[in-house]
Amino acid sequence: HADLIRRELAPPQPLDAESLELAEVLCHQDSVTLHVRRGDYVSNPKARETFYECSAKYYQDALQRVPGNGPVVVVSDDISWARENLPRTRPMHFAGEKGARSGLADLWLMAQGKHHIIANSTFSWWGAWLSTTCTGTTVAPRHWFRTSKYDTRDLLPKEWSCV
């Protein structure tokens, strides 16, 4: 049923020029979408107590797990942090450089990549899971929550790897 769910939940293709340009970048056979979530994980004390924040080292280690040297399209709610902290081991493109973006456009864009590096975020999770190229590598953080009250044993598909 996964294919049916993917078809039914696939976000519509945005028409803005930036999304279409970045989708062209993602046509490369070894393309990677990388999601950085900071926002409330950094600014909200309650969220900081609940969620881990993915570090630059996490993204560096995750990129090493993805085969090839294809371009990376970065989607983030904190592009400045991403620009300053992500390792530049591959060509990098940052969504949002041409103005504000919608969450729906970002979700669509993340689903276009072959490989995915996600944050500890359900938005990231859906972006990778909705990918139409299910043969790529998806890397997720091993730790999502700072507390053990959440059972995460079945949070990730078995074929995804953790760092």
Foldseek 3Di string as FASTA:
>chain_A
DLVVVLVVPQQDADDDPLLVVLLVLQVPPQEEEEEAEPVCCPVPPVNVQWWDHDFLVQQVVVVVVFDDQGEYEYEYPCVVCCVVRHDPSHHYHYPAPVHDDDLSSVLNSLLSHLEYEYELDVSSVSSPSSRPNVPGEYEYAPGTTPDPPDDCPPVHPPRHYHD
